[in-house]
Protein backbone atom coordinates (compact mmCIF):
# COMPACT_ATOMS: atom_id res chain seq x y z
CA MET A 1 -32.18 -39.53 81.46
CA ASN A 2 -30.40 -39.60 84.82
CA ILE A 3 -28.18 -42.57 85.61
CA ALA A 4 -25.91 -43.70 88.43
CA ILE A 5 -22.62 -45.40 87.64
CA ILE A 6 -20.87 -47.21 90.49
CA PRO A 7 -17.27 -48.19 89.65
CA ALA A 8 -16.31 -51.38 91.50
CA ARG A 9 -13.29 -53.31 90.32
CA GLY A 10 -12.34 -56.62 91.85
CA GLY A 11 -8.63 -56.06 92.41
CA SER A 12 -8.51 -54.03 95.61
CA LYS A 13 -5.06 -54.58 97.13
CA ARG A 14 -4.98 -52.85 100.53
CA ILE A 15 -8.37 -54.26 101.59
CA PRO A 16 -8.96 -57.41 99.52
CA ARG A 17 -12.48 -57.68 98.07
CA LYS A 18 -13.31 -54.34 99.71
CA ASN A 19 -16.27 -53.56 97.47
CA ILE A 20 -18.22 -56.67 98.55
CA LYS A 21 -16.78 -57.25 102.01
CA GLN A 22 -19.46 -57.29 104.71
CA PHE A 23 -19.86 -53.88 106.34
CA CYS A 24 -22.58 -53.04 108.85
CA GLY A 25 -24.63 -56.08 107.90
CA LYS A 26 -24.38 -56.03 104.08
CA PRO A 27 -21.83 -56.11 101.26
CA MET A 28 -20.13 -52.71 101.08
CA ILE A 29 -21.40 -51.89 97.58
CA CYS A 30 -25.01 -52.44 98.65
CA HIS A 31 -24.90 -49.30 100.82
CA SER A 32 -24.26 -47.22 97.70
CA ILE A 33 -26.83 -49.09 95.61
CA ASN A 34 -29.50 -48.78 98.31
CA ALA A 35 -28.93 -45.03 98.68
CA ALA A 36 -29.16 -44.60 94.90
CA ARG A 37 -32.41 -46.57 94.79
CA GLU A 38 -33.87 -44.71 97.75
CA SER A 39 -33.08 -41.33 96.16
CA GLY A 40 -35.66 -41.97 93.45
CA VAL A 41 -33.87 -39.78 90.88
CA PHE A 42 -32.34 -42.41 88.60
CA ASN A 43 -33.75 -44.07 85.50
CA HIS A 44 -31.04 -46.70 85.84
CA ILE A 45 -28.37 -47.67 88.38
CA PHE A 46 -25.37 -49.33 86.76
CA VAL A 47 -22.28 -50.98 88.22
CA SER A 48 -19.08 -50.96 86.19
CA THR A 49 -16.98 -53.95 87.19
CA ASP A 50 -14.55 -56.50 85.83
CA ASP A 51 -15.51 -59.05 88.48
CA VAL A 52 -18.28 -61.65 88.13
CA GLU A 53 -18.89 -62.00 91.88
CA ILE A 54 -19.24 -58.22 92.29
CA ALA A 55 -21.62 -58.17 89.33
CA ASP A 56 -23.79 -60.92 90.87
CA ILE A 57 -23.98 -59.18 94.24
CA ALA A 58 -24.73 -55.81 92.62
CA ILE A 59 -27.61 -57.30 90.63
CA LYS A 60 -29.03 -58.93 93.77
CA CYS A 61 -28.88 -55.51 95.48
CA GLY A 62 -30.90 -53.95 92.66
CA ALA A 63 -28.32 -52.56 90.24
CA GLU A 64 -27.82 -53.37 86.55
CA VAL A 65 -24.64 -54.80 85.02
CA PRO A 66 -25.30 -54.95 81.27
CA PHE A 67 -21.60 -55.11 80.37
CA MET A 68 -18.29 -56.02 81.99
CA ARG A 69 -15.47 -53.50 82.29
CA PRO A 70 -12.42 -54.33 80.15
CA LYS A 71 -9.25 -55.35 81.96
CA ASN A 72 -7.31 -52.33 80.71
CA LEU A 73 -9.68 -50.12 82.73
CA ALA A 74 -9.44 -52.25 85.88
CA ASP A 75 -5.79 -52.04 86.88
CA ASP A 76 -4.18 -50.23 89.81
CA TYR A 77 -3.44 -47.11 87.77
CA THR A 78 -6.72 -46.38 86.01
CA GLN A 79 -8.40 -43.19 87.19
CA THR A 80 -12.16 -42.89 87.69
CA THR A 81 -12.91 -40.62 84.71
CA PRO A 82 -11.93 -43.09 81.94
CA VAL A 83 -14.12 -45.71 83.65
CA ILE A 84 -17.11 -43.34 83.69
CA ILE A 85 -16.52 -42.31 80.06
CA HIS A 86 -16.43 -45.97 79.00
CA ALA A 87 -19.64 -46.67 80.92
CA ILE A 88 -21.49 -43.69 79.43
CA GLN A 89 -20.46 -44.71 75.91
CA MET A 90 -21.60 -48.30 76.48
CA ILE A 91 -24.90 -47.22 78.05
CA GLU A 92 -25.70 -44.78 75.25
CA LYS A 93 -25.19 -47.58 72.72
CA LEU A 94 -27.52 -49.85 74.70
CA ILE A 95 -30.37 -47.58 75.84
CA GLY A 96 -29.96 -44.07 74.43
CA LYS A 97 -28.84 -40.57 75.34
CA VAL A 98 -27.75 -39.84 78.90
CA ASP A 99 -28.27 -36.34 80.32
CA ASN A 100 -26.91 -36.41 83.87
CA VAL A 101 -24.59 -38.93 85.49
CA CYS A 102 -23.87 -39.58 89.14
CA CYS A 103 -20.63 -41.43 89.78
CA ILE A 104 -21.08 -43.07 93.19
CA TYR A 105 -18.17 -44.77 94.89
CA ALA A 106 -18.74 -48.38 95.93
CA ALA A 107 -17.03 -47.88 99.30
CA ALA A 108 -19.17 -44.99 100.56
CA PRO A 109 -21.28 -46.55 103.33
CA PHE A 110 -22.36 -43.22 104.85
CA ILE A 111 -23.89 -41.88 101.64
CA LYS A 112 -27.47 -40.65 102.00
CA ALA A 113 -30.31 -40.57 99.49
CA LYS A 114 -31.19 -37.01 100.50
CA ASP A 115 -27.67 -35.85 99.58
CA ILE A 116 -27.91 -37.51 96.17
CA ARG A 117 -31.19 -35.66 95.55
CA ALA A 118 -29.68 -32.40 96.80
CA GLY A 119 -26.72 -32.87 94.47
CA LEU A 120 -28.96 -33.18 91.41
CA GLU A 121 -30.99 -30.15 92.47
CA ARG A 122 -27.79 -28.12 92.81
CA LEU A 123 -26.47 -29.32 89.44
CA ILE A 124 -29.64 -28.04 87.77
CA GLU A 125 -30.01 -24.87 89.85
CA LYS A 126 -26.38 -23.75 89.49
CA ASN A 127 -26.13 -24.89 85.84
CA CYS A 128 -22.60 -26.13 86.48
CA CYS A 129 -20.67 -29.07 85.07
CA PHE A 130 -20.31 -31.00 88.33
CA VAL A 131 -21.55 -31.17 91.91
CA PHE A 132 -19.63 -33.27 94.40
CA THR A 133 -19.46 -33.78 98.15
CA VAL A 134 -16.85 -31.99 100.26
CA THR A 135 -16.15 -31.56 103.93
CA SER A 136 -13.92 -29.19 105.88
CA PHE A 137 -10.46 -30.04 107.16
CA PRO A 138 -10.47 -30.35 110.96
CA HIS A 139 -7.35 -28.17 111.27
CA PRO A 140 -6.15 -25.25 109.11
CA ILE A 141 -4.12 -26.59 106.20
CA GLN A 142 -2.05 -23.37 106.24
CA ARG A 143 -0.34 -24.65 109.40
CA ALA A 144 0.47 -28.08 107.97
CA LEU A 145 3.80 -29.67 108.87
CA ARG A 146 6.16 -32.01 107.07
CA ILE A 147 8.68 -34.38 108.65
CA VAL A 148 12.17 -33.81 107.27
CA GLU A 149 15.58 -35.42 107.70
CA LYS A 150 16.73 -36.54 111.15
CA ASP A 151 13.10 -36.68 112.33
CA ARG A 152 12.70 -32.92 112.51
CA VAL A 153 9.75 -30.87 111.33
CA GLU A 154 9.11 -27.77 109.28
CA MET A 155 6.03 -25.90 108.15
CA PHE A 156 4.89 -26.09 104.56
CA ASN A 157 4.53 -22.31 104.76
CA SER A 158 6.08 -20.57 107.76
CA ASP A 159 4.32 -17.29 106.87
CA PHE A 160 1.33 -18.57 108.82
CA PHE A 161 3.20 -19.43 112.04
CA ASP A 162 2.09 -16.33 113.94
CA MET A 163 -1.50 -16.34 112.73
CA ARG A 164 -4.33 -17.54 114.95
CA THR A 165 -6.06 -20.63 113.59
CA GLN A 166 -9.45 -18.88 113.75
CA ASP A 167 -8.13 -16.17 111.43
CA LEU A 168 -7.17 -18.60 108.67
CA GLU A 169 -9.42 -19.37 105.71
CA GLU A 170 -11.36 -22.62 106.01
CA ALA A 171 -10.37 -25.29 103.50
CA TYR A 172 -12.27 -28.29 102.17
CA HIS A 173 -11.45 -31.67 100.67
CA ASP A 174 -13.27 -34.13 98.47
CA ALA A 175 -15.57 -36.29 100.62
CA GLY A 176 -15.33 -39.20 98.17
CA GLN A 177 -19.02 -40.15 98.03
CA PHE A 178 -20.46 -39.07 94.70
CA TYR A 179 -19.97 -36.79 91.70
CA TRP A 180 -22.98 -35.53 89.81
CA GLY A 181 -22.13 -34.28 86.35
CA LYS A 182 -23.56 -33.51 82.97
CA SER A 183 -22.86 -36.38 80.62
CA LYS A 184 -21.06 -34.05 78.20
CA ALA A 185 -18.78 -32.78 80.99
CA PHE A 186 -17.65 -36.34 81.74
CA LEU A 187 -17.22 -37.19 78.05
CA ASP A 188 -15.24 -33.99 77.44
CA ASN A 189 -13.02 -34.83 80.45
CA VAL A 190 -13.74 -31.48 82.12
CA MET A 191 -11.69 -31.08 85.30
CA THR A 192 -13.82 -31.85 88.37
CA PHE A 193 -12.01 -29.61 90.88
CA SER A 194 -12.55 -26.26 89.22
CA ARG A 195 -14.85 -23.25 89.03
CA ASP A 196 -17.10 -25.33 86.77
CA SER A 197 -18.13 -27.31 89.86
CA SER A 198 -20.26 -26.60 92.92
CA PRO A 199 -19.76 -28.24 96.33
CA LEU A 200 -22.27 -30.07 98.50
CA ILE A 201 -20.91 -29.70 102.03
CA LEU A 202 -21.19 -32.66 104.40
CA PRO A 203 -20.49 -32.78 108.14
CA ARG A 204 -17.11 -34.32 108.95
CA TYR A 205 -18.63 -37.08 111.07
CA ARG A 206 -20.21 -38.59 107.94
CA VAL A 207 -17.05 -38.67 105.87
CA GLN A 208 -14.47 -41.45 105.92
CA ASP A 209 -12.18 -42.68 103.17
CA ILE A 210 -11.82 -46.46 103.33
CA ASP A 211 -8.46 -47.31 101.81
CA THR A 212 -6.63 -49.09 104.65
CA GLU A 213 -7.46 -51.55 107.41
CA GLU A 214 -7.27 -48.66 109.89
CA ASP A 215 -9.84 -46.76 107.79
CA TRP A 216 -12.08 -49.83 107.78
CA GLU A 217 -11.91 -50.18 111.56
CA ARG A 218 -12.64 -46.48 112.09
CA ALA A 219 -15.57 -46.62 109.66
CA GLY A 220 -16.98 -49.60 111.58
CA ILE A 221 -16.90 -47.62 114.82
CA MET A 222 -18.56 -44.68 113.06
CA CYS A 223 -21.24 -47.00 111.69
CA LYS A 224 -22.10 -48.35 115.14
CA ALA A 225 -22.34 -44.82 116.52
CA MET A 226 -24.65 -43.77 113.69
CA GLN A 227 -26.82 -46.85 114.17
CA LEU A 228 -27.24 -45.92 117.85
CA ASN A 229 -28.21 -42.43 116.65
CA GLN A 230 -30.53 -43.99 114.03
CA GLU A 231 -28.71 -42.17 111.23
CA ILE A 232 -28.16 -45.24 109.06
């Protein structure tokens, strides 16, 4: 059985009610639910939340909320993995054994059904523990700078100062959309960012973390541009 689990707590601080705030014409979480439904690869799509309003909206969008997340897994310090482990354990008690799990973030409005399908195909083909979305950094991380005392700068690694940017190895970061994984890998708390995982590379223009008001505004501009391009 393949399931989607969408973590969506109610206590977002930097953008209050972020997971159900209207974005591009619908509550934010509905973008993730709709992509999961459109992918056609899930037996069930669950939302893990501690918030009744989020649960109601998720159900109206087509997800299932058969249990509420306990408060000790809904604070500012809880990582995603314990939430997914709790959800898998609850779901297996309710409906039976889970084979593959896709953790989909609630604030991922540019997620596409085709990428979810491609992620599952890669998980099976590569026989790995996890598949997750990544995208490339726009500038070589080897030439990164830090600001030090008295508003001066220094390189993180000055060994790369004389190297041309095109000669430096390309680096990638987590795109923060979804994480396909074998149920056992989640339950065993296998590290996601390791050689047990395979990346699904996304173009940078479809990746945007939404953690601050500035992020939200930028994502809105991106959404309008994609709508003009008929991408979403």
